[in-house]
């Protein structure tokens, strides 16, 4: 694992949203091991403090902690103001904050869907727009948009916006990667499948996904290591794990109607609060 240095005098700093647990915390550990400092962002402060203490002891990492509720439409602007006031240079961005909103689309009011879009789609786009100009000007930058295997598959019955938003992040990352080609800035859509984390506890699908076979699961640390390395290599879209790659490939070659029928039959097994 190679350490990353922009120059002999500058230690790069990576801004990671949703850094309090799961894939976000695992990516923080991976960047710390590669010699980066961190700007950790989440709503919960205590887990970030614990993570910062761990990484300081293990790697000498400086971690700047920012509590922020990215559901707020002004949160990204406020966050960047606080970062720049501290004089922190952002060389990497990991848009990881996210969740799955359960139930069918008509089961929730628009306010809930609007909050979902703000956190999962608008905030990543805003943060990328905020940090990319300086990255491009310096000739160095890394952006990872944590998408999902779901973005490569037909929409499911329930969790209606999830696959749609993740598909957007994949296309968004592909376009940014092409636009920034040759500038020293790499953009990657990381598309994990089922990953061990508290994600499924939060969205109420733990009972369903626990019935899935072991081969469909990946550890967050393995996903993080592979994802960061893929970004270093300039991969615009990366699906970690052989099983996930096979599922995505199968979805592409199956007739659309067959893939949609398979999704319709299986989504109810793991989705909470869906109606057929």
Protein backbone atom coordinates (compact mmCIF):
# COMPACT_ATOMS: atom_id res chain seq x y z
CA UNK A 1 0.00 0.00 0.00
CA UNK A 2 1.68 3.18 -1.21
CA UNK A 3 1.47 6.38 0.77
CA UNK A 4 0.24 9.43 -1.10
CA UNK A 5 2.18 12.69 -1.08
CA UNK A 6 1.48 15.74 -3.23
CA UNK A 7 4.90 17.12 -2.36
CA UNK A 8 7.47 16.82 0.37
CA UNK A 9 5.85 19.70 2.25
CA UNK A 10 2.14 18.94 1.95
CA UNK A 11 0.21 16.08 3.53
CA UNK A 12 -3.07 15.67 1.62
CA UNK A 13 -6.38 15.89 3.44
CA UNK A 14 -9.48 13.88 2.54
CA UNK A 15 -12.99 15.09 3.39
CA UNK A 16 -15.26 12.12 4.17
CA UNK A 17 -18.99 12.39 4.80
CA UNK A 18 -20.79 9.75 6.80
CA UNK A 19 -17.48 9.09 8.53
CA UNK A 20 -18.86 7.90 11.87
CA UNK A 21 -19.29 4.23 10.91
CA UNK A 22 -19.42 1.61 8.16
CA UNK A 23 -17.80 2.21 4.79
CA UNK A 24 -17.08 5.85 5.63
CA UNK A 25 -15.03 4.93 8.70
CA UNK A 26 -13.33 2.13 6.77
CA UNK A 27 -12.32 4.55 3.99
CA UNK A 28 -11.00 6.95 6.64
CA UNK A 29 -8.80 4.16 8.00
CA UNK A 30 -7.59 3.35 4.49
CA UNK A 31 -6.62 6.94 3.68
CA UNK A 32 -4.95 7.32 7.09
CA UNK A 33 -2.88 4.22 6.39
CA UNK A 34 -1.82 5.82 3.09
CA UNK A 35 -0.51 8.90 4.88
CA UNK A 36 -3.45 11.29 4.48
CA UNK A 37 -4.97 13.62 7.04
CA UNK A 38 -8.74 13.69 7.33
CA UNK A 39 -11.74 15.99 7.61
CA UNK A 40 -14.43 13.79 9.13
CA UNK A 41 -18.08 14.76 8.68
CA UNK A 42 -21.15 13.22 10.29
CA UNK A 43 -24.03 14.07 12.58
CA UNK A 44 -22.62 12.09 15.51
CA UNK A 45 -19.50 13.56 17.06
CA UNK A 46 -18.50 10.88 19.55
CA UNK A 47 -17.79 8.09 17.01
CA UNK A 48 -15.67 10.52 14.96
CA UNK A 49 -13.66 11.48 18.05
CA UNK A 50 -13.04 7.80 18.78
CA UNK A 51 -12.00 7.20 15.16
CA UNK A 52 -9.70 10.23 15.16
CA UNK A 53 -8.03 8.99 18.36
CA UNK A 54 -7.54 5.54 16.84
CA UNK A 55 -6.02 6.91 13.63
CA UNK A 56 -3.76 9.33 15.47
CA UNK A 57 -2.32 6.46 17.51
CA UNK A 58 -1.97 4.12 14.53
CA UNK A 59 -0.74 6.50 11.83
CA UNK A 60 -0.10 9.93 13.33
CA UNK A 61 -3.10 11.21 11.39
CA UNK A 62 -4.53 14.67 12.00
CA UNK A 63 -8.31 14.46 11.87
CA UNK A 64 -10.49 17.56 11.75
CA UNK A 65 -13.99 16.83 13.04
CA UNK A 66 -17.07 18.58 11.68
CA UNK A 67 -20.57 17.76 12.87
CA UNK A 68 -23.05 18.49 10.11
CA UNK A 69 -26.59 17.51 9.17
CA UNK A 70 -26.49 17.22 5.39
CA UNK A 71 -30.30 17.04 5.29
CA UNK A 72 -30.15 20.83 5.72
CA UNK A 73 -30.08 22.65 2.37
CA UNK A 74 -27.46 25.07 3.70
CA UNK A 75 -25.29 22.39 5.30
CA UNK A 76 -22.72 21.99 2.53
CA UNK A 77 -22.17 25.74 2.23
CA UNK A 78 -21.79 26.05 6.01
CA UNK A 79 -19.43 23.07 6.08
CA UNK A 80 -17.12 24.50 3.43
CA UNK A 81 -17.04 27.88 5.23
CA UNK A 82 -15.93 26.15 8.43
CA UNK A 83 -13.30 24.13 6.58
CA UNK A 84 -11.81 27.14 4.82
CA UNK A 85 -11.84 29.20 8.03
CA UNK A 86 -9.55 26.56 9.52
CA UNK A 87 -7.26 26.87 6.51
CA UNK A 88 -7.72 23.24 5.52
CA UNK A 89 -6.85 22.32 1.93
CA UNK A 90 -9.11 19.55 0.61
CA UNK A 91 -7.28 17.17 -1.72
CA UNK A 92 -9.74 14.29 -1.56
CA UNK A 93 -13.51 13.98 -1.22
CA UNK A 94 -15.51 10.89 -0.33
CA UNK A 95 -19.26 11.37 -0.68
CA UNK A 96 -20.36 8.50 1.52
CA UNK A 97 -23.19 9.78 3.75
CA UNK A 98 -26.36 7.91 2.99
CA UNK A 99 -29.21 5.65 4.04
CA UNK A 100 -32.11 3.74 2.56
CA UNK A 101 -35.61 5.17 2.96
CA UNK A 102 -37.96 2.19 3.40
CA UNK A 103 -41.35 1.60 1.89
CA UNK A 104 -43.07 2.29 -1.41
CA UNK A 105 -42.93 5.77 -2.91
CA UNK A 106 -46.52 6.68 -2.08
CA UNK A 107 -46.17 5.53 1.53
CA UNK A 108 -44.13 8.63 2.48
CA UNK A 109 -44.82 12.35 2.11
CA UNK A 110 -42.76 14.43 -0.30
CA UNK A 111 -40.90 16.02 2.63
CA UNK A 112 -39.25 12.66 3.36
CA UNK A 113 -38.30 12.12 -0.28
CA UNK A 114 -37.00 15.68 -0.54
CA UNK A 115 -34.70 15.11 2.44
CA UNK A 116 -33.46 11.90 0.86
CA UNK A 117 -32.61 13.66 -2.40
CA UNK A 118 -30.89 16.48 -0.52
CA UNK A 119 -28.57 14.13 1.35
CA UNK A 120 -28.00 11.49 -1.30
CA UNK A 121 -27.86 13.53 -4.51
CA UNK A 122 -27.72 17.29 -3.98
CA UNK A 123 -25.09 17.33 -1.22
CA UNK A 124 -22.57 15.16 -3.14
CA UNK A 125 -22.94 17.36 -6.22
CA UNK A 126 -22.54 20.54 -4.17
CA UNK A 127 -19.45 19.27 -2.37
CA UNK A 128 -17.84 18.12 -5.60
CA UNK A 129 -18.49 21.53 -7.18
CA UNK A 130 -16.99 23.23 -4.12
CA UNK A 131 -13.69 21.32 -4.04
CA UNK A 132 -12.97 20.37 -7.64
CA UNK A 133 -11.86 23.79 -8.97
CA UNK A 134 -8.97 23.99 -6.48
CA UNK A 135 -8.05 20.35 -7.06
CA UNK A 136 -7.90 20.95 -10.79
CA UNK A 137 -5.86 24.13 -10.35
CA UNK A 138 -3.32 22.27 -8.16
CA UNK A 139 -3.17 19.32 -10.55
CA UNK A 140 -4.09 16.76 -7.91
CA UNK A 141 -7.32 15.42 -6.42
CA UNK A 142 -9.29 12.31 -5.58
CA UNK A 143 -13.09 12.03 -5.47
CA UNK A 144 -14.98 8.89 -4.54
CA UNK A 145 -18.76 8.91 -4.83
CA UNK A 146 -20.07 5.91 -2.91
CA UNK A 147 -22.78 4.58 -5.19
CA UNK A 148 -24.05 1.01 -5.07
CA UNK A 149 -24.46 -2.22 -6.99
CA UNK A 150 -28.14 -1.22 -6.93
CA UNK A 151 -27.30 1.51 -9.43
CA UNK A 152 -26.49 -1.17 -12.01
CA UNK A 153 -29.70 -3.15 -11.45
CA UNK A 154 -33.39 -2.61 -12.21
CA UNK A 155 -35.33 -0.57 -9.65
CA UNK A 156 -36.71 -2.50 -6.71
CA UNK A 157 -40.17 -2.74 -5.18
CA UNK A 158 -39.72 -0.23 -2.36
CA UNK A 159 -36.77 1.98 -1.43
CA UNK A 160 -37.86 3.64 -4.65
CA UNK A 161 -35.33 6.46 -4.91
CA UNK A 162 -32.29 4.49 -3.76
CA UNK A 163 -31.29 2.77 -7.00
CA UNK A 164 -32.25 5.88 -8.98
CA UNK A 165 -29.93 8.11 -6.96
CA UNK A 166 -27.09 5.59 -7.05
CA UNK A 167 -27.46 5.27 -10.82
CA UNK A 168 -27.21 9.07 -11.04
CA UNK A 169 -24.00 9.05 -8.98
CA UNK A 170 -22.49 6.47 -11.34
CA UNK A 171 -23.22 8.55 -14.45
CA UNK A 172 -22.18 11.74 -12.65
CA UNK A 173 -18.83 10.17 -11.76
CA UNK A 174 -18.29 8.87 -15.28
CA UNK A 175 -18.84 12.33 -16.74
CA UNK A 176 -16.62 14.06 -14.19
CA UNK A 177 -13.90 11.49 -14.80
CA UNK A 178 -13.93 12.25 -18.52
CA UNK A 179 -14.07 16.02 -17.99
CA UNK A 180 -11.08 15.91 -15.64
CA UNK A 181 -9.01 13.44 -17.61
CA UNK A 182 -5.38 14.53 -17.71
CA UNK A 183 -5.73 17.09 -14.90
CA UNK A 184 -4.40 14.88 -12.09
CA UNK A 185 -7.88 14.63 -10.55
CA UNK A 186 -9.40 11.14 -10.41
CA UNK A 187 -13.13 10.54 -9.90
CA UNK A 188 -14.55 7.13 -9.07
CA UNK A 189 -18.03 5.76 -8.41
CA UNK A 190 -17.56 2.99 -5.85
CA UNK A 191 -20.41 0.50 -6.16
CA UNK A 192 -20.47 -1.94 -3.23
CA UNK A 193 -23.05 -4.65 -2.83
CA UNK A 194 -24.11 -5.97 0.56
CA UNK A 195 -21.50 -4.78 3.05
CA UNK A 196 -21.30 -5.47 6.78
CA UNK A 197 -22.20 -2.19 8.51
CA UNK A 198 -25.04 -0.59 10.50
CA UNK A 199 -26.69 0.57 7.23
CA UNK A 200 -29.26 -2.24 7.29
CA UNK A 201 -30.06 -1.71 10.96
CA UNK A 202 -30.86 1.94 10.31
CA UNK A 203 -33.18 1.30 7.38
CA UNK A 204 -34.91 -1.69 8.98
CA UNK A 205 -33.82 -4.40 6.53
CA UNK A 206 -31.51 -6.37 8.85
CA UNK A 207 -33.89 -9.34 9.21
CA UNK A 208 -34.29 -9.67 5.45
CA UNK A 209 -30.67 -9.27 4.40
CA UNK A 210 -29.49 -11.63 7.14
CA UNK A 211 -31.08 -14.45 5.14
CA UNK A 212 -28.78 -13.80 2.18
CA UNK A 213 -25.89 -16.25 1.58
CA UNK A 214 -22.42 -15.39 2.87
CA UNK A 215 -20.95 -15.11 -0.64
CA UNK A 216 -23.04 -11.98 -1.26
CA UNK A 217 -21.42 -10.09 1.64
CA UNK A 218 -18.21 -8.08 1.90
CA UNK A 219 -16.38 -6.53 4.83
CA UNK A 220 -16.34 -2.72 4.87
CA UNK A 221 -12.53 -2.68 5.20
CA UNK A 222 -12.05 -4.80 2.07
CA UNK A 223 -14.48 -2.61 0.14
CA UNK A 224 -12.66 0.52 1.28
CA UNK A 225 -9.20 -0.73 0.34
CA UNK A 226 -10.33 -1.81 -3.12
CA UNK A 227 -12.28 1.40 -3.69
CA UNK A 228 -9.45 3.74 -2.73
CA UNK A 229 -7.02 1.78 -4.90
CA UNK A 230 -9.45 1.93 -7.82
CA UNK A 231 -9.58 5.72 -7.49
CA UNK A 232 -5.77 5.89 -7.40
CA UNK A 233 -5.74 3.96 -10.68
CA UNK A 234 -8.27 6.29 -12.27
CA UNK A 235 -11.18 3.85 -12.52
CA UNK A 236 -14.34 5.86 -13.24
CA UNK A 237 -16.63 3.09 -12.01
CA UNK A 238 -15.59 0.27 -9.72
CA UNK A 239 -17.61 -2.68 -8.42
CA UNK A 240 -15.73 -4.47 -5.62
CA UNK A 241 -15.92 -8.24 -5.34
CA UNK A 242 -16.32 -11.00 -7.89
CA UNK A 243 -19.88 -11.82 -6.90
CA UNK A 244 -20.98 -8.19 -7.28
CA UNK A 245 -19.27 -7.91 -10.66
CA UNK A 246 -21.06 -11.06 -11.82
CA UNK A 247 -24.45 -9.79 -10.67
CA UNK A 248 -23.94 -6.47 -12.49
CA UNK A 249 -22.79 -8.25 -15.65
CA UNK A 250 -25.78 -10.59 -15.56
CA UNK A 251 -28.15 -7.66 -15.19
CA UNK A 252 -26.69 -6.16 -18.38
CA UNK A 253 -27.06 -9.24 -20.54
CA UNK A 254 -30.48 -10.42 -19.36
CA UNK A 255 -33.50 -9.14 -21.28
CA UNK A 256 -34.89 -6.09 -19.48
CA UNK A 257 -38.22 -7.79 -18.74
CA UNK A 258 -36.48 -10.82 -17.22
CA UNK A 259 -34.23 -8.67 -15.01
CA UNK A 260 -37.20 -6.62 -13.86
CA UNK A 261 -39.22 -9.73 -13.03
CA UNK A 262 -36.34 -11.17 -11.02
CA UNK A 263 -36.02 -7.94 -9.08
CA UNK A 264 -39.76 -7.80 -8.44
CA UNK A 265 -39.76 -11.35 -7.06
CA UNK A 266 -36.73 -10.91 -4.82
CA UNK A 267 -36.98 -7.33 -3.57
CA UNK A 268 -39.85 -8.14 -1.22
CA UNK A 269 -37.63 -10.65 0.56
CA UNK A 270 -35.33 -7.96 1.89
CA UNK A 271 -37.24 -4.69 1.59
CA UNK A 272 -39.26 -3.42 4.49
CA UNK A 273 -42.70 -1.90 4.11
CA UNK A 274 -43.17 -2.55 0.40
CA UNK A 275 -46.53 -3.29 -1.13
CA UNK A 276 -47.13 -5.33 -4.26
